[in-house]
Amino acid sequence: MEIVVAPHAGFCFGVERAIGLAEKAALSAREGGKVYTYGPLIHNPQEIERLRRLGVEVLRDEGRLEPEAVLILRSHGIPPQKERELRRKGVKIVDATCPYVKAVHEAAVRLAKEGYFVVLVGEKNHPEVLGTWGYLVDAGGEGVIVETLEDLKPALQRPKVGVIAQTTQNERFFKEVVGELAVWVNELKVINTICNATSVRQEEVRELAPKVDVMIIVGGKNSGNTTRLYKIAKSLNPNSYHVETADELKKEWFEGAERVGVSAGASTPGWIIEGVVRRLEQIAAELKK
């Protein structure tokens, strides 16, 4: 059984940067003091547990924040109102917000100041989207978060509309939104804030999934970008599965399979991908017997 791993599976630049900052903070704090992240640093439970063992805990209660504590802002970013509130508490802030997410914040503020009604293409409850929405509101802007074309209604009668996206959004849906708005809106400004790492991973899955017998997508079940990879794979290959770890792989999925494809979300660490590949190799050997 041939195992084909997509070239860009796993951590993107922003996630790798955030993990590095967390590890550095944990090392610096060994002499004393607590290290927390404001919400899960990334959407991968296994990596969050690894960081916990290093001394980096997810903040559950803001009342526990001591003045000497270190607080890491997660890669998804947070609303500026919340950041100001946290800084007033006097804790040391380490900003691990992905630079590409920061670019979305800046785009939202710019569009608001230019008088555009902002369409933010993304998941309404995703922390990155909530952070961006906070920047829009802070700049005095108006807008709507769009998960489906039905959500576009408030924007269709506006004379000036600006469009941005959650960095991990599906490119094809983003194009659908822009196309629909172009029919209705007098002035349309589009800033494509989808991260290139997201686009590359999605295109690799579109290319690989139809060419293999079974497609495995690895990553947190709470990860938006991983879930989108799985949906793309499933639409192209019905024998597609989303797993968090190697333990979830089932031997019967691979009976008769000659080629297996593997990809992973941008928040999936390499050690988990390697574990999945090792288990696939074991399954291949067992099926040969």
C-alpha atoms as a PDB file:
ATOM      1  CA  MET A   1       0.000   0.000   0.000  1.00  0.00           C
ATOM      2  CA  GLU A   2       1.523   3.296  -1.105  1.00  0.00           C
ATOM      3  CA  ILE A   3       1.167   6.208   1.333  1.00  0.00           C
ATOM      4  CA  VAL A   4       1.239   9.700  -0.212  1.00  0.00           C
ATOM      5  CA  VAL A   5       1.576  12.659   2.179  1.00  0.00           C
ATOM      6  CA  ALA A   6       0.631  16.090   0.807  1.00  0.00           C
ATOM      7  CA  PRO A   7       3.754  18.310   0.678  1.00  0.00           C
ATOM      8  CA  HIS A   8       2.357  21.094   2.899  1.00  0.00           C
ATOM      9  CA  ALA A   9       0.443  18.997   5.440  1.00  0.00           C
ATOM     10  CA  GLY A  10       0.647  20.316   8.992  1.00  0.00           C
ATOM     11  CA  PHE A  11       1.802  23.483  10.729  1.00  0.00           C
ATOM     12  CA  CYS A  12       1.692  26.775   8.881  1.00  0.00           C
ATOM     13  CA  PHE A  13       4.008  29.701   9.656  1.00  0.00           C
ATOM     14  CA  GLY A  14       1.604  31.418  12.054  1.00  0.00           C
ATOM     15  CA  VAL A  15       0.963  28.307  14.136  1.00  0.00           C
ATOM     16  CA  GLU A  16       4.639  27.378  14.255  1.00  0.00           C
ATOM     17  CA  ARG A  17       5.417  30.913  15.439  1.00  0.00           C
ATOM     18  CA  ALA A  18       2.758  30.728  18.170  1.00  0.00           C
ATOM     19  CA  ILE A  19       4.040  27.371  19.422  1.00  0.00           C
ATOM     20  CA  GLY A  20       7.601  28.723  19.495  1.00  0.00           C
ATOM     21  CA  LEU A  21       6.530  31.757  21.532  1.00  0.00           C
ATOM     22  CA  ALA A  22       4.679  29.519  24.002  1.00  0.00           C
ATOM     23  CA  GLU A  23       7.683  27.212  24.440  1.00  0.00           C
ATOM     24  CA  LYS A  24       9.968  30.220  24.961  1.00  0.00           C
ATOM     25  CA  ALA A  25       7.584  31.685  27.558  1.00  0.00           C
ATOM     26  CA  ALA A  26       7.460  28.350  29.390  1.00  0.00           C
ATOM     27  CA  LEU A  27      11.269  28.186  29.567  1.00  0.00           C
ATOM     28  CA  SER A  28      11.528  31.784  30.815  1.00  0.00           C
ATOM     29  CA  ALA A  29       8.941  31.191  33.531  1.00  0.00           C
ATOM     30  CA  ARG A  30      10.591  28.173  35.119  1.00  0.00           C
ATOM     31  CA  GLU A  31      11.969  30.324  37.942  1.00  0.00           C
ATOM     32  CA  GLY A  32       8.415  31.148  38.988  1.00  0.00           C
ATOM     33  CA  GLY A  33       5.180  32.561  37.705  1.00  0.00           C
ATOM     34  CA  LYS A  34       2.391  31.089  35.639  1.00  0.00           C
ATOM     35  CA  VAL A  35       2.101  30.955  31.861  1.00  0.00           C
ATOM     36  CA  TYR A  36      -1.384  30.969  30.376  1.00  0.00           C
ATOM     37  CA  THR A  37      -2.915  31.184  26.921  1.00  0.00           C
ATOM     38  CA  TYR A  38      -6.080  33.187  26.374  1.00  0.00           C
ATOM     39  CA  GLY A  39      -8.148  30.338  25.002  1.00  0.00           C
ATOM     40  CA  PRO A  40      -6.537  27.327  23.275  1.00  0.00           C
ATOM     41  CA  LEU A  41      -3.426  28.555  21.468  1.00  0.00           C
ATOM     42  CA  ILE A  42      -4.373  26.486  18.394  1.00  0.00           C
ATOM     43  CA  HIS A  43      -7.193  24.085  17.565  1.00  0.00           C
ATOM     44  CA  ASN A  44      -5.402  20.843  18.298  1.00  0.00           C
ATOM     45  CA  PRO A  45      -6.159  19.133  21.641  1.00  0.00           C
ATOM     46  CA  GLN A  46      -3.075  16.917  21.592  1.00  0.00           C
ATOM     47  CA  GLU A  47      -0.685  19.840  21.069  1.00  0.00           C
ATOM     48  CA  ILE A  48      -2.470  21.841  23.766  1.00  0.00           C
ATOM     49  CA  GLU A  49      -1.904  18.919  26.148  1.00  0.00           C
ATOM     50  CA  ARG A  50       1.788  18.783  25.190  1.00  0.00           C
ATOM     51  CA  LEU A  51       2.113  22.492  25.995  1.00  0.00           C
ATOM     52  CA  ARG A  52       0.297  21.951  29.305  1.00  0.00           C
ATOM     53  CA  ARG A  53       2.969  19.428  30.272  1.00  0.00           C
ATOM     54  CA  LEU A  54       5.567  22.134  29.528  1.00  0.00           C
ATOM     55  CA  GLY A  55       3.778  24.491  31.921  1.00  0.00           C
ATOM     56  CA  VAL A  56       1.554  26.442  29.509  1.00  0.00           C
ATOM     57  CA  GLU A  57      -2.065  26.293  30.643  1.00  0.00           C
ATOM     58  CA  VAL A  58      -5.263  27.500  29.002  1.00  0.00           C
ATOM     59  CA  LEU A  59      -6.706  30.318  31.124  1.00  0.00           C
ATOM     60  CA  ARG A  60     -10.046  29.183  32.550  1.00  0.00           C
ATOM     61  CA  ASP A  61     -10.646  31.981  35.050  1.00  0.00           C
ATOM     62  CA  GLU A  62      -9.392  35.555  34.586  1.00  0.00           C
ATOM     63  CA  GLY A  63      -9.654  35.983  38.328  1.00  0.00           C
ATOM     64  CA  ARG A  64      -6.641  33.658  38.655  1.00  0.00           C
ATOM     65  CA  LEU A  65      -4.352  36.038  36.757  1.00  0.00           C
ATOM     66  CA  GLU A  66      -1.528  37.176  39.030  1.00  0.00           C
ATOM     67  CA  PRO A  67       0.382  40.386  38.160  1.00  0.00           C
ATOM     68  CA  GLU A  68       3.548  38.337  37.519  1.00  0.00           C
ATOM     69  CA  ALA A  69       1.752  35.914  35.169  1.00  0.00           C
ATOM     70  CA  VAL A  70       2.492  35.651  31.457  1.00  0.00           C
ATOM     71  CA  LEU A  71      -0.531  35.609  29.172  1.00  0.00           C
ATOM     72  CA  ILE A  72      -0.147  34.461  25.563  1.00  0.00           C
ATOM     73  CA  LEU A  73      -2.671  35.782  23.054  1.00  0.00           C
ATOM     74  CA  ARG A  74      -3.569  32.877  20.789  1.00  0.00           C
ATOM     75  CA  SER A  75      -2.830  32.656  17.084  1.00  0.00           C
ATOM     76  CA  HIS A  76      -6.474  33.466  16.237  1.00  0.00           C
ATOM     77  CA  GLY A  77      -6.205  36.895  17.853  1.00  0.00           C
ATOM     78  CA  ILE A  78      -8.677  38.530  20.254  1.00  0.00           C
ATOM     79  CA  PRO A  79     -10.884  41.661  20.125  1.00  0.00           C
ATOM     80  CA  PRO A  80      -8.959  44.871  20.942  1.00  0.00           C
ATOM     81  CA  GLN A  81     -11.421  45.712  23.715  1.00  0.00           C
ATOM     82  CA  LYS A  82     -10.501  42.465  25.501  1.00  0.00           C
ATOM     83  CA  GLU A  83      -6.770  43.021  24.950  1.00  0.00           C
ATOM     84  CA  ARG A  84      -6.992  46.482  26.551  1.00  0.00           C
ATOM     85  CA  GLU A  85      -8.870  44.984  29.498  1.00  0.00           C
ATOM     86  CA  LEU A  86      -6.207  42.296  29.975  1.00  0.00           C
ATOM     87  CA  ARG A  87      -3.356  44.811  29.779  1.00  0.00           C
ATOM     88  CA  ARG A  88      -5.005  46.892  32.508  1.00  0.00           C
ATOM     89  CA  LYS A  89      -4.615  43.863  34.809  1.00  0.00           C
ATOM     90  CA  GLY A  90      -0.856  44.352  34.604  1.00  0.00           C
ATOM     91  CA  VAL A  91       0.052  40.885  33.333  1.00  0.00           C
ATOM     92  CA  LYS A  92       2.824  40.398  30.795  1.00  0.00           C
ATOM     93  CA  ILE A  93       1.266  39.922  27.343  1.00  0.00           C
ATOM     94  CA  VAL A  94       2.931  37.799  24.668  1.00  0.00           C
ATOM     95  CA  ASP A  95       1.112  38.397  21.386  1.00  0.00           C
ATOM     96  CA  ALA A  96       1.093  35.180  19.349  1.00  0.00           C
ATOM     97  CA  THR A  97      -1.573  36.418  16.935  1.00  0.00           C
ATOM     98  CA  CYS A  98      -0.731  35.175  13.449  1.00  0.00           C
ATOM     99  CA  PRO A  99       0.611  38.057  11.288  1.00  0.00           C
ATOM    100  CA  TYR A 100      -1.862  37.055   8.566  1.00  0.00           C
ATOM    101  CA  VAL A 101      -4.722  37.375  11.053  1.00  0.00           C
ATOM    102  CA  LYS A 102      -3.364  40.807  12.001  1.00  0.00           C
ATOM    103  CA  ALA A 103      -3.637  41.729   8.319  1.00  0.00           C
ATOM    104  CA  VAL A 104      -7.362  40.877   8.429  1.00  0.00           C
ATOM    105  CA  HIS A 105      -7.785  43.156  11.458  1.00  0.00           C
ATOM    106  CA  GLU A 106      -6.059  45.969   9.587  1.00  0.00           C
ATOM    107  CA  ALA A 107      -8.231  45.409   6.509  1.00  0.00           C
ATOM    108  CA  ALA A 108     -11.413  45.536   8.617  1.00  0.00           C
ATOM    109  CA  VAL A 109     -10.354  48.820  10.216  1.00  0.00           C
ATOM    110  CA  ARG A 110      -9.367  50.325   6.860  1.00  0.00           C
ATOM    111  CA  LEU A 111     -12.685  49.427   5.240  1.00  0.00           C
ATOM    112  CA  ALA A 112     -14.613  50.801   8.216  1.00  0.00           C
ATOM    113  CA  LYS A 113     -12.744  54.109   8.058  1.00  0.00           C
ATOM    114  CA  GLU A 114     -13.397  54.340   4.317  1.00  0.00           C
ATOM    115  CA  GLY A 115     -17.140  54.005   4.937  1.00  0.00           C
ATOM    116  CA  TYR A 116     -17.684  50.486   3.598  1.00  0.00           C
ATOM    117  CA  PHE A 117     -20.279  48.103   4.988  1.00  0.00           C
ATOM    118  CA  VAL A 118     -18.046  45.096   5.720  1.00  0.00           C
ATOM    119  CA  VAL A 119     -18.849  41.533   4.705  1.00  0.00           C
ATOM    120  CA  LEU A 120     -16.682  39.196   6.767  1.00  0.00           C
ATOM    121  CA  VAL A 121     -16.740  35.721   5.219  1.00  0.00           C
ATOM    122  CA  GLY A 122     -16.244  33.258   8.048  1.00  0.00           C
ATOM    123  CA  GLU A 123     -17.671  31.159  10.860  1.00  0.00           C
ATOM    124  CA  LYS A 124     -19.756  33.278  13.241  1.00  0.00           C
ATOM    125  CA  ASN A 125     -18.440  31.655  16.426  1.00  0.00           C
ATOM    126  CA  HIS A 126     -14.822  31.151  15.386  1.00  0.00           C
ATOM    127  CA  PRO A 127     -12.340  33.010  17.654  1.00  0.00           C
ATOM    128  CA  GLU A 128     -10.541  34.553  14.669  1.00  0.00           C
ATOM    129  CA  VAL A 129     -13.802  35.950  13.313  1.00  0.00           C
ATOM    130  CA  LEU A 130     -14.832  37.256  16.754  1.00  0.00           C
ATOM    131  CA  GLY A 131     -11.459  38.984  17.065  1.00  0.00           C
ATOM    132  CA  THR A 132     -11.773  40.608  13.636  1.00  0.00           C
ATOM    133  CA  TRP A 133     -15.344  41.664  14.376  1.00  0.00           C
ATOM    134  CA  GLY A 134     -14.055  43.359  17.531  1.00  0.00           C
ATOM    135  CA  TYR A 135     -11.635  45.443  15.440  1.00  0.00           C
ATOM    136  CA  LEU A 136     -14.427  46.404  13.049  1.00  0.00           C
ATOM    137  CA  VAL A 137     -16.696  47.555  15.878  1.00  0.00           C
ATOM    138  CA  ASP A 138     -13.790  49.352  17.586  1.00  0.00           C
ATOM    139  CA  ALA A 139     -13.263  51.352  14.388  1.00  0.00           C
ATOM    140  CA  GLY A 140     -16.938  52.337  14.300  1.00  0.00           C
ATOM    141  CA  GLY A 141     -17.739  50.095  11.349  1.00  0.00           C
ATOM    142  CA  GLU A 142     -20.825  48.155  10.360  1.00  0.00           C
ATOM    143  CA  GLY A 143     -21.029  44.789   8.700  1.00  0.00           C
ATOM    144  CA  VAL A 144     -22.224  41.221   8.656  1.00  0.00           C
ATOM    145  CA  ILE A 145     -20.565  37.833   9.158  1.00  0.00           C
ATOM    146  CA  VAL A 146     -21.364  35.523   6.248  1.00  0.00           C
ATOM    147  CA  GLU A 147     -21.391  31.733   6.555  1.00  0.00           C
ATOM    148  CA  THR A 148     -23.921  31.130   3.762  1.00  0.00           C
ATOM    149  CA  LEU A 149     -25.163  33.162   0.813  1.00  0.00           C
ATOM    150  CA  GLU A 150     -28.395  33.670   2.759  1.00  0.00           C
ATOM    151  CA  ASP A 151     -26.420  35.729   5.289  1.00  0.00           C
ATOM    152  CA  LEU A 152     -25.633  38.288   2.567  1.00  0.00           C
ATOM    153  CA  LYS A 153     -29.094  39.913   2.613  1.00  0.00           C
ATOM    154  CA  PRO A 154     -28.148  42.880   4.857  1.00  0.00           C
ATOM    155  CA  ALA A 155     -25.342  43.811   2.438  1.00  0.00           C
ATOM    156  CA  LEU A 156     -27.224  43.646  -0.859  1.00  0.00           C
ATOM    157  CA  GLN A 157     -28.893  47.057  -0.587  1.00  0.00           C
ATOM    158  CA  ARG A 158     -25.809  48.892   0.653  1.00  0.00           C
ATOM    159  CA  PRO A 159     -24.145  51.294  -1.815  1.00  0.00           C
ATOM    160  CA  LYS A 160     -20.559  50.544  -0.664  1.00  0.00           C
ATOM    161  CA  VAL A 161     -19.522  47.062   0.437  1.00  0.00           C
ATOM    162  CA  GLY A 162     -16.086  45.770   1.372  1.00  0.00           C
ATOM    163  CA  VAL A 163     -15.281  42.068   1.599  1.00  0.00           C
ATOM    164  CA  ILE A 164     -12.695  40.295   3.748  1.00  0.00           C
ATOM    165  CA  ALA A 165     -12.401  36.682   4.921  1.00  0.00           C
ATOM    166  CA  GLN A 166     -11.346  34.514   7.801  1.00  0.00           C
ATOM    167  CA  THR A 167      -7.821  33.390   6.882  1.00  0.00           C
ATOM    168  CA  THR A 168      -8.834  29.715   6.705  1.00  0.00           C
ATOM    169  CA  GLN A 169     -11.961  30.161   4.574  1.00  0.00           C
ATOM    170  CA  ASN A 170     -12.787  28.051   1.520  1.00  0.00           C
ATOM    171  CA  GLU A 171     -11.611  30.012  -1.540  1.00  0.00           C
ATOM    172  CA  ARG A 172     -14.464  28.800  -3.709  1.00  0.00           C
ATOM    173  CA  PHE A 173     -17.105  30.013  -1.276  1.00  0.00           C
ATOM    174  CA  PHE A 174     -15.303  33.363  -1.015  1.00  0.00           C
ATOM    175  CA  LYS A 175     -15.550  33.680  -4.805  1.00  0.00           C
ATOM    176  CA  GLU A 176     -19.273  32.843  -4.666  1.00  0.00           C
ATOM    177  CA  VAL A 177     -19.837  35.622  -2.141  1.00  0.00           C
ATOM    178  CA  VAL A 178     -17.908  38.153  -4.223  1.00  0.00           C
ATOM    179  CA  GLY A 179     -19.772  37.115  -7.386  1.00  0.00           C
ATOM    180  CA  GLU A 180     -23.164  37.520  -5.719  1.00  0.00           C
ATOM    181  CA  LEU A 181     -22.285  40.940  -4.328  1.00  0.00           C
ATOM    182  CA  ALA A 182     -20.983  42.123  -7.700  1.00  0.00           C
ATOM    183  CA  VAL A 183     -24.501  41.706  -9.124  1.00  0.00           C
ATOM    184  CA  TRP A 184     -26.169  43.884  -6.474  1.00  0.00           C
ATOM    185  CA  VAL A 185     -23.686  46.426  -5.126  1.00  0.00           C
ATOM    186  CA  ASN A 186     -22.745  49.746  -6.748  1.00  0.00           C
ATOM    187  CA  GLU A 187     -19.263  49.924  -5.247  1.00  0.00           C
ATOM    188  CA  LEU A 188     -17.483  46.755  -4.185  1.00  0.00           C
ATOM    189  CA  LYS A 189     -14.014  46.535  -2.648  1.00  0.00           C
ATOM    190  CA  VAL A 190     -12.529  43.059  -2.156  1.00  0.00           C
ATOM    191  CA  ILE A 191      -9.507  42.312   0.002  1.00  0.00           C
ATOM    192  CA  ASN A 192      -8.652  38.629  -0.230  1.00  0.00           C
ATOM    193  CA  THR A 193      -7.375  37.853   3.261  1.00  0.00           C
ATOM    194  CA  ILE A 194      -7.426  34.068   2.877  1.00  0.00           C
ATOM    195  CA  CYS A 195      -3.997  32.840   3.917  1.00  0.00           C
ATOM    196  CA  ASN A 196      -1.876  31.308   1.176  1.00  0.00           C
ATOM    197  CA  ALA A 197      -1.135  28.354   3.485  1.00  0.00           C
ATOM    198  CA  THR A 198      -4.862  27.594   3.525  1.00  0.00           C
ATOM    199  CA  SER A 199      -5.182  27.859  -0.249  1.00  0.00           C
ATOM    200  CA  VAL A 200      -2.170  25.612  -0.856  1.00  0.00           C
ATOM    201  CA  ARG A 201      -3.454  22.891   1.481  1.00  0.00           C
ATOM    202  CA  GLN A 202      -6.908  22.970  -0.075  1.00  0.00           C
ATOM    203  CA  GLU A 203      -5.526  22.726  -3.609  1.00  0.00           C
ATOM    204  CA  GLU A 204      -3.264  19.820  -2.637  1.00  0.00           C
ATOM    205  CA  VAL A 205      -6.275  17.934  -1.253  1.00  0.00           C
ATOM    206  CA  ARG A 206      -8.295  18.679  -4.399  1.00  0.00           C
ATOM    207  CA  GLU A 207      -5.466  17.214  -6.459  1.00  0.00           C
ATOM    208  CA  LEU A 208      -4.655  14.227  -4.243  1.00  0.00           C
ATOM    209  CA  ALA A 209      -8.066  12.969  -3.053  1.00  0.00           C
ATOM    210  CA  PRO A 210      -9.362  11.776  -6.465  1.00  0.00           C
ATOM    211  CA  LYS A 211      -6.094   9.928  -7.161  1.00  0.00           C
ATOM    212  CA  VAL A 212      -6.069   7.696  -4.075  1.00  0.00           C
ATOM    213  CA  ASP A 213      -8.273   4.861  -2.834  1.00  0.00           C
ATOM    214  CA  VAL A 214      -8.539   6.292   0.689  1.00  0.00           C
ATOM    215  CA  MET A 215      -7.913   9.869   1.877  1.00  0.00           C
ATOM    216  CA  ILE A 216      -7.015  10.641   5.496  1.00  0.00           C
ATOM    217  CA  ILE A 217      -7.250  14.178   6.897  1.00  0.00           C
ATOM    218  CA  VAL A 218      -5.440  14.633  10.211  1.00  0.00           C
ATOM    219  CA  GLY A 219      -6.208  17.313  12.774  1.00  0.00           C
ATOM    220  CA  GLY A 220      -8.376  18.604  15.578  1.00  0.00           C
ATOM    221  CA  LYS A 221     -12.109  18.052  15.219  1.00  0.00           C
ATOM    222  CA  ASN A 222     -12.471  21.642  16.477  1.00  0.00           C
ATOM    223  CA  SER A 223     -10.204  23.004  13.727  1.00  0.00           C
ATOM    224  CA  GLY A 224     -12.048  24.953  11.033  1.00  0.00           C
ATOM    225  CA  ASN A 225      -9.313  24.663   8.408  1.00  0.00           C
ATOM    226  CA  THR A 226      -8.948  20.910   9.008  1.00  0.00           C
ATOM    227  CA  THR A 227     -12.702  20.390   8.755  1.00  0.00           C
ATOM    228  CA  ARG A 228     -12.733  22.242   5.434  1.00  0.00           C
ATOM    229  CA  LEU A 229      -9.968  19.990   4.120  1.00  0.00           C
ATOM    230  CA  TYR A 230     -12.048  16.974   5.099  1.00  0.00           C
ATOM    231  CA  LYS A 231     -15.165  18.349   3.375  1.00  0.00           C
ATOM    232  CA  ILE A 232     -13.188  18.978   0.190  1.00  0.00           C
ATOM    233  CA  ALA A 233     -11.714  15.461   0.317  1.00  0.00           C
ATOM    234  CA  LYS A 234     -15.088  13.850   1.010  1.00  0.00           C
ATOM    235  CA  SER A 235     -16.670  15.657  -1.942  1.00  0.00           C
ATOM    236  CA  LEU A 236     -14.017  14.194  -4.243  1.00  0.00           C
ATOM    237  CA  ASN A 237     -13.487  10.786  -2.641  1.00  0.00           C
ATOM    238  CA  PRO A 238     -16.213   9.092  -0.549  1.00  0.00           C
ATOM    239  CA  ASN A 239     -13.521   7.018   1.200  1.00  0.00           C
ATOM    240  CA  SER A 240     -12.241  10.047   3.106  1.00  0.00           C
ATOM    241  CA  TYR A 241     -11.846  10.150   6.890  1.00  0.00           C
ATOM    242  CA  HIS A 242     -11.026  12.835   9.458  1.00  0.00           C
ATOM    243  CA  VAL A 243      -8.950  11.640  12.418  1.00  0.00           C
ATOM    244  CA  GLU A 244      -7.205  13.437  15.264  1.00  0.00           C
ATOM    245  CA  THR A 245      -4.683  10.695  16.010  1.00  0.00           C
ATOM    246  CA  ALA A 246      -3.403   7.363  14.689  1.00  0.00           C
ATOM    247  CA  ASP A 247      -5.568   5.519  17.233  1.00  0.00           C
ATOM    248  CA  GLU A 248      -8.695   6.383  15.247  1.00  0.00           C
ATOM    249  CA  LEU A 249      -7.542   4.607  12.072  1.00  0.00           C
ATOM    250  CA  LYS A 250      -9.526   1.450  11.334  1.00  0.00           C
ATOM    251  CA  LYS A 251      -7.974  -1.426   9.418  1.00  0.00           C
ATOM    252  CA  GLU A 252     -11.170  -2.120   7.450  1.00  0.00           C
ATOM    253  CA  TRP A 253     -10.956   1.308   5.793  1.00  0.00           C
ATOM    254  CA  PHE A 254      -7.888   0.146   3.873  1.00  0.00           C
ATOM    255  CA  GLU A 255      -8.829  -3.342   2.739  1.00  0.00           C
ATOM    256  CA  GLY A 256      -8.071  -3.527  -0.978  1.00  0.00           C
ATOM    257  CA  ALA A 257      -6.552  -0.028  -1.033  1.00  0.00           C
ATOM    258  CA  GLU A 258      -3.415   0.428  -3.119  1.00  0.00           C
ATOM    259  CA  ARG A 259      -2.865   4.163  -2.544  1.00  0.00           C
ATOM    260  CA  VAL A 260      -3.655   6.177   0.588  1.00  0.00           C
ATOM    261  CA  GLY A 261      -3.423   9.964   0.703  1.00  0.00           C
ATOM    262  CA  VAL A 262      -2.683  11.952   3.852  1.00  0.00           C
ATOM    263  CA  SER A 263      -3.054  15.651   4.518  1.00  0.00           C
ATOM    264  CA  ALA A 264      -3.416  17.690   7.685  1.00  0.00           C
ATOM    265  CA  GLY A 265      -4.700  21.043   8.846  1.00  0.00           C
ATOM    266  CA  ALA A 266      -2.430  23.997   9.534  1.00  0.00           C
ATOM    267  CA  SER A 267      -2.783  23.408  13.288  1.00  0.00           C
ATOM    268  CA  THR A 268      -1.688  19.757  13.170  1.00  0.00           C
ATOM    269  CA  PRO A 269       1.817  19.114  14.563  1.00  0.00           C
ATOM    270  CA  GLY A 270       4.289  16.995  12.633  1.00  0.00           C
ATOM    271  CA  TRP A 271       4.582  14.399  15.409  1.00  0.00           C
ATOM    272  CA  ILE A 272       0.887  13.525  15.033  1.00  0.00           C
ATOM    273  CA  ILE A 273       1.176  13.237  11.235  1.00  0.00           C
ATOM    274  CA  GLU A 274       4.226  11.001  11.653  1.00  0.00           C
ATOM    275  CA  GLY A 275       2.266   8.802  14.068  1.00  0.00           C
ATOM    276  CA  VAL A 276      -0.536   8.425  11.526  1.00  0.00           C
ATOM    277  CA  VAL A 277       1.921   7.468   8.778  1.00  0.00           C
ATOM    278  CA  ARG A 278       3.607   4.886  11.040  1.00  0.00           C
ATOM    279  CA  ARG A 279       0.231   3.346  11.874  1.00  0.00           C
ATOM    280  CA  LEU A 280      -0.705   3.241   8.179  1.00  0.00           C
ATOM    281  CA  GLU A 281       2.541   1.390   7.485  1.00  0.00           C
ATOM    282  CA  GLN A 282       1.657  -1.110  10.234  1.00  0.00           C
ATOM    283  CA  ILE A 283      -1.846  -1.585   8.798  1.00  0.00           C
ATOM    284  CA  ALA A 284      -0.361  -2.131   5.329  1.00  0.00           C
ATOM    285  CA  ALA A 285       1.925  -4.837   6.712  1.00  0.00           C
ATOM    286  CA  GLU A 286      -0.946  -6.514   8.612  1.00  0.00           C
ATOM    287  CA  LEU A 287      -3.156  -6.562   5.501  1.00  0.00           C
ATOM    288  CA  LYS A 288      -0.396  -8.290   3.529  1.00  0.00           C
ATOM    289  CA  LYS A 289      -0.391 -11.288   5.883  1.00  0.00           C
END
